[in-house]
Amino acid sequence: MWNWFIELSPTMQTLLATLFTWGMTAAGAALVFTTKEVNQRVMDGMLAFAGGVMIAASFWSLLEPAIDMAEAGPLPSWIPAALGFMLGGFFLWGVDKILPHLHPELKQAGTGSDIIGAEGRNPDSYRRSTLLVLAITLHNIPEGFAIGVAFGTMALTGDISLLIGAVTLSIGMGLQNFPEGTAVSMPLRREGMSRGRAFWYGQLSGSVEPVSALLGLWLVYLVQPLLPYALAFAAGAMIFVVVEEVIPGSQENGNKDLSAIWLMIGFTVMMVLDVALG
């Protein structure tokens, strides 16, 4: 079953994996063709589920392999993992301050030119649809990078278990991309945008994942000794997104208990996938 995929080049494997995650973003955005509104509890649950998936993936698919690889190096194994993890978080913090964006969970805060809660530099000079797409793009950059690093790690080490881990990571990222596509397309449709345009903007944010994944793959080949740092960097970037945006966004409508349960379900699903398959 896996033979055809194993025989592909790492570049093709990475492209196929991120085309899947992009497709899941588009599938979530496509809900706009069936309804104009999604129940808020459902949205909060899906967002929390995505957060749980990202937390589990950050450890089992990224941090744990980083620690294992660092054991063969000259430094204590925790140093590359800790340093890379913190660098990933600080990098996303910096991007968050610079890139104009509007968190999808603030969809009720303002419409049209009345945009409230936008972040980054000069957000008022951008359209609301652009700010929403940039917000999800900010999520997808570290996710795509993580997938590229995972496939690159497998290619360099020849460890088939890492290939399974990379595929599992791609599946997990695809699962959590579904609600992200919905989080963009639904608010735009509700504000009067046509279904076609709302879908276009909803899926557009996923297009960055193949690009950032290939960048991650290329960097792995370029700086092989920094591989543990790269894996931990991707994990830190994803955890920053979860803590700064995903968890608060899933709870701000008062569904805290529901969000907590769905976050745990998402974590469990990703953990089972990673441990059982890997």
Protein backbone atom coordinates (compact mmCIF):
# COMPACT_ATOMS: atom_id res chain seq x y z
CA MET A 1 0.00 0.00 0.00
CA TRP A 2 2.81 2.39 0.90
CA ASN A 3 5.26 1.27 -1.78
CA TRP A 4 4.23 3.82 -4.39
CA PHE A 5 4.54 6.66 -1.88
CA ILE A 6 7.84 5.45 -0.44
CA GLU A 7 9.37 5.33 -3.91
CA LEU A 8 8.55 8.99 -4.61
CA SER A 9 11.18 11.67 -4.14
CA PRO A 10 11.01 13.67 -0.88
CA THR A 11 9.93 16.70 -2.91
CA MET A 12 6.97 14.84 -4.40
CA GLN A 13 6.05 13.37 -1.03
CA THR A 14 6.06 16.84 0.52
CA LEU A 15 4.01 18.29 -2.32
CA LEU A 16 1.38 15.56 -2.12
CA ALA A 17 1.14 15.89 1.66
CA THR A 18 0.65 19.64 1.55
CA LEU A 19 -1.75 19.46 -1.38
CA PHE A 20 -3.84 17.29 0.95
CA THR A 21 -3.68 19.85 3.76
CA TRP A 22 -4.53 22.63 1.32
CA GLY A 23 -7.44 20.54 0.06
CA MET A 24 -8.76 20.19 3.60
CA THR A 25 -8.67 23.97 3.97
CA ALA A 26 -10.67 24.22 0.76
CA ALA A 27 -13.11 21.57 2.01
CA GLY A 28 -13.76 23.62 5.14
CA ALA A 29 -14.24 26.76 3.08
CA ALA A 30 -16.66 24.86 0.80
CA LEU A 31 -19.22 24.70 3.63
CA VAL A 32 -20.14 28.19 2.46
CA PHE A 33 -21.95 26.56 -0.49
CA THR A 34 -24.27 24.63 1.82
CA THR A 35 -25.07 27.13 4.55
CA LYS A 36 -24.62 30.78 5.47
CA GLU A 37 -24.13 30.10 9.14
CA VAL A 38 -22.43 27.48 11.29
CA ASN A 39 -23.52 27.01 14.89
CA GLN A 40 -21.10 28.88 17.17
CA ARG A 41 -20.69 25.87 19.46
CA VAL A 42 -19.72 23.76 16.47
CA MET A 43 -17.18 26.36 15.34
CA ASP A 44 -15.69 26.65 18.82
CA GLY A 45 -15.48 22.86 19.10
CA MET A 46 -13.76 22.55 15.70
CA LEU A 47 -11.29 25.29 16.58
CA ALA A 48 -10.47 23.65 19.93
CA PHE A 49 -10.09 20.27 18.18
CA ALA A 50 -7.57 21.90 15.84
CA GLY A 51 -5.65 23.21 18.82
CA GLY A 52 -5.46 19.76 20.38
CA VAL A 53 -4.17 18.27 17.14
CA MET A 54 -1.47 20.95 16.87
CA ILE A 55 -0.31 20.45 20.48
CA ALA A 56 0.01 16.68 20.07
CA ALA A 57 1.72 17.02 16.68
CA SER A 58 4.19 19.50 18.14
CA PHE A 59 5.46 16.92 20.60
CA TRP A 60 5.17 13.51 18.99
CA SER A 61 5.98 14.51 15.41
CA LEU A 62 8.50 17.30 16.09
CA LEU A 63 9.91 17.72 19.59
CA GLU A 64 10.38 14.04 20.41
CA PRO A 65 12.30 13.34 17.15
CA ALA A 66 14.35 16.49 17.77
CA ILE A 67 15.38 15.25 21.21
CA ASP A 68 16.19 11.78 19.86
CA MET A 69 18.42 13.21 17.11
CA ALA A 70 20.18 15.58 19.48
CA GLU A 71 21.30 12.66 21.65
CA ALA A 72 23.97 11.86 19.06
CA GLY A 73 25.34 15.42 19.17
CA PRO A 74 27.93 17.07 21.40
CA LEU A 75 25.40 18.99 23.51
CA PRO A 76 22.87 17.67 26.02
CA SER A 77 19.82 16.58 24.01
CA TRP A 78 17.52 19.10 25.68
CA ILE A 79 19.51 22.15 24.52
CA PRO A 80 18.69 21.99 20.75
CA ALA A 81 15.06 21.18 21.54
CA ALA A 82 14.67 24.00 24.07
CA LEU A 83 16.55 26.57 22.00
CA GLY A 84 14.77 25.72 18.74
CA PHE A 85 11.38 25.64 20.49
CA MET A 86 11.81 29.12 21.98
CA LEU A 87 13.18 30.54 18.74
CA GLY A 88 10.09 29.25 16.90
CA GLY A 89 7.79 30.96 19.38
CA PHE A 90 9.68 34.27 19.29
CA PHE A 91 9.76 34.18 15.50
CA LEU A 92 5.96 33.85 15.29
CA TRP A 93 5.61 36.55 17.93
CA GLY A 94 7.63 38.90 15.73
CA VAL A 95 5.64 38.02 12.61
CA ASP A 96 2.41 38.50 14.55
CA LYS A 97 3.46 42.06 15.38
CA ILE A 98 4.40 42.91 11.78
CA LEU A 99 1.95 41.08 9.51
CA PRO A 100 -1.46 42.85 9.32
CA HIS A 101 -4.18 40.32 10.19
CA LEU A 102 -7.60 39.90 11.80
CA HIS A 103 -8.22 36.85 13.95
CA PRO A 104 -11.20 34.84 12.62
CA GLU A 105 -12.69 34.59 16.10
CA LEU A 106 -13.18 38.39 16.04
CA LYS A 107 -15.61 38.06 13.15
CA GLN A 108 -18.40 39.77 15.07
CA ALA A 109 -16.25 42.76 16.05
CA GLY A 110 -16.61 44.86 12.94
CA THR A 111 -17.43 44.82 9.26
CA GLY A 112 -16.38 46.66 6.13
CA SER A 113 -14.21 49.65 6.96
CA ASP A 114 -15.11 49.33 10.65
CA ILE A 115 -12.46 46.74 11.50
CA ILE A 116 -11.91 46.28 15.21
CA GLY A 117 -9.30 44.04 16.78
CA ALA A 118 -6.93 43.84 13.81
CA GLU A 119 -3.24 43.44 14.60
CA GLY A 120 0.09 44.10 12.92
CA ARG A 121 1.34 47.18 11.11
CA ASN A 122 -1.21 49.53 9.50
CA PRO A 123 -4.10 47.00 9.47
CA ASP A 124 -6.66 49.72 8.67
CA SER A 125 -5.20 50.07 5.16
CA TYR A 126 -6.28 46.52 4.24
CA ARG A 127 -9.65 45.04 3.40
CA ARG A 128 -11.31 42.73 5.90
CA SER A 129 -11.08 39.72 3.58
CA THR A 130 -7.34 40.28 3.18
CA LEU A 131 -6.84 40.51 6.93
CA LEU A 132 -8.73 37.26 7.52
CA VAL A 133 -6.71 35.39 4.88
CA LEU A 134 -3.45 36.76 6.31
CA ALA A 135 -4.46 35.53 9.78
CA ILE A 136 -4.92 31.93 8.62
CA THR A 137 -1.82 32.21 6.46
CA LEU A 138 0.07 33.05 9.64
CA HIS A 139 -1.13 29.69 11.00
CA ASN A 140 -0.27 27.73 7.89
CA ILE A 141 3.32 28.88 7.44
CA PRO A 142 4.69 26.96 10.47
CA GLU A 143 2.44 24.00 9.68
CA GLY A 144 3.76 23.70 6.13
CA PHE A 145 7.32 24.26 7.36
CA ALA A 146 6.89 21.46 9.89
CA ILE A 147 5.71 19.02 7.23
CA GLY A 148 8.65 19.88 4.96
CA VAL A 149 11.14 19.44 7.81
CA ALA A 150 9.56 16.11 8.74
CA PHE A 151 9.85 14.70 5.21
CA GLY A 152 13.36 16.13 4.86
CA THR A 153 14.41 14.46 8.12
CA MET A 154 13.12 11.13 6.86
CA ALA A 155 15.00 11.52 3.57
CA LEU A 156 18.31 12.29 5.28
CA THR A 157 18.11 9.57 7.92
CA GLY A 158 16.41 6.86 5.84
CA ASP A 159 14.28 5.99 8.88
CA ILE A 160 10.95 4.63 7.61
CA SER A 161 9.31 5.33 10.97
CA LEU A 162 9.98 9.03 10.36
CA LEU A 163 8.14 8.75 7.04
CA ILE A 164 5.11 7.41 8.88
CA GLY A 165 5.48 10.24 11.36
CA ALA A 166 5.59 12.79 8.54
CA VAL A 167 2.48 11.31 6.95
CA THR A 168 0.70 11.29 10.32
CA LEU A 169 1.67 14.92 10.84
CA SER A 170 0.20 15.77 7.42
CA ILE A 171 -3.05 13.99 8.30
CA GLY A 172 -3.25 15.88 11.59
CA MET A 173 -2.58 19.21 9.91
CA GLY A 174 -5.25 18.41 7.34
CA LEU A 175 -7.79 17.68 10.08
CA GLN A 176 -7.15 20.99 11.78
CA ASN A 177 -7.13 22.95 8.51
CA PHE A 178 -10.79 22.13 7.90
CA PRO A 179 -12.18 24.52 10.53
CA GLU A 180 -9.67 27.20 9.49
CA GLY A 181 -11.12 27.31 5.99
CA THR A 182 -14.60 27.58 7.47
CA ALA A 183 -13.46 30.34 9.86
CA VAL A 184 -12.60 32.56 6.90
CA SER A 185 -15.34 31.79 4.39
CA MET A 186 -18.33 31.89 6.75
CA PRO A 187 -17.82 35.42 8.14
CA LEU A 188 -17.28 36.76 4.64
CA ARG A 189 -20.43 35.10 3.35
CA ARG A 190 -22.41 36.39 6.31
CA GLU A 191 -21.28 39.92 5.49
CA GLY A 192 -22.74 39.65 1.99
CA MET A 193 -19.87 38.35 -0.12
CA SER A 194 -20.85 35.85 -2.84
CA ARG A 195 -20.38 32.16 -2.10
CA GLY A 196 -17.75 31.84 -4.81
CA ARG A 197 -15.63 34.72 -3.53
CA ALA A 198 -16.01 33.64 0.11
CA PHE A 199 -14.83 30.15 -0.84
CA TRP A 200 -11.92 31.60 -2.84
CA TYR A 201 -10.66 33.61 0.13
CA GLY A 202 -11.27 30.69 2.50
CA GLN A 203 -9.12 28.25 0.56
CA LEU A 204 -6.49 30.81 -0.41
CA SER A 205 -4.75 30.72 2.95
CA GLY A 206 -3.96 27.03 2.47
CA SER A 207 -1.94 27.72 -0.65
CA VAL A 208 1.03 28.84 1.43
CA GLU A 209 1.55 25.36 2.91
CA PRO A 210 3.18 23.73 -0.16
CA VAL A 211 5.50 26.73 -0.48
CA SER A 212 6.54 26.80 3.19
CA ALA A 213 6.86 22.99 3.20
CA LEU A 214 9.29 23.05 0.27
CA LEU A 215 11.22 25.79 2.08
CA GLY A 216 11.46 23.56 5.15
CA LEU A 217 12.58 20.62 3.02
CA TRP A 218 15.26 22.73 1.33
CA LEU A 219 16.56 24.11 4.64
CA VAL A 220 16.95 20.59 6.01
CA TYR A 221 19.25 19.67 3.15
CA LEU A 222 21.11 22.97 3.45
CA VAL A 223 21.83 22.85 7.18
CA GLN A 224 21.77 19.19 8.17
CA PRO A 225 23.53 19.71 11.54
CA LEU A 226 20.71 22.05 12.58
CA LEU A 227 18.02 19.42 12.02
CA PRO A 228 17.01 19.05 15.70
CA TYR A 229 16.76 22.83 15.97
CA ALA A 230 14.56 23.00 12.85
CA LEU A 231 12.14 20.38 14.19
CA ALA A 232 11.91 22.13 17.55
CA PHE A 233 11.56 25.52 15.83
CA ALA A 234 8.48 24.28 13.95
CA ALA A 235 7.03 22.92 17.20
CA GLY A 236 7.54 26.23 19.00
CA ALA A 237 5.92 28.18 16.19
CA MET A 238 2.83 25.96 16.25
CA ILE A 239 2.49 26.09 20.03
CA PHE A 240 2.64 29.89 19.88
CA VAL A 241 -0.27 29.92 17.43
CA VAL A 242 -2.30 27.57 19.65
CA VAL A 243 -1.75 29.54 22.86
CA GLU A 244 -1.97 33.03 21.35
CA GLU A 245 -4.98 32.52 19.13
CA VAL A 246 -6.59 29.08 18.83
CA ILE A 247 -7.41 28.41 22.49
CA PRO A 248 -8.58 31.97 23.31
CA GLY A 249 -10.63 32.05 20.11
CA SER A 250 -12.39 28.78 20.95
CA GLN A 251 -13.38 30.02 24.42
CA GLU A 252 -14.27 33.69 23.94
CA ASN A 253 -17.94 32.90 23.22
CA GLY A 254 -18.39 31.29 26.63
CA ASN A 255 -18.07 27.65 25.51
CA LYS A 256 -15.07 26.97 27.73
CA ASP A 257 -16.01 23.47 28.88
CA LEU A 258 -16.96 22.41 25.37
CA SER A 259 -13.70 23.80 23.99
CA ALA A 260 -11.65 22.07 26.67
CA ILE A 261 -13.24 18.70 25.87
CA TRP A 262 -12.75 19.10 22.11
CA LEU A 263 -9.16 20.17 22.59
CA MET A 264 -8.57 16.96 24.54
CA ILE A 265 -10.30 14.95 21.81
CA GLY A 266 -8.12 16.54 19.15
CA PHE A 267 -4.99 15.86 21.22
CA THR A 268 -6.04 12.25 21.75
CA VAL A 269 -6.81 11.65 18.06
CA MET A 270 -3.41 13.00 16.99
CA MET A 271 -1.62 11.12 19.75
CA VAL A 272 -3.25 7.84 18.76
CA LEU A 273 -2.44 8.41 15.09
CA ASP A 274 1.18 9.24 15.82
CA VAL A 275 1.85 6.49 18.36
CA ALA A 276 -0.17 3.74 16.66
CA LEU A 277 1.17 4.41 13.17
CA GLY A 278 4.66 5.50 14.16
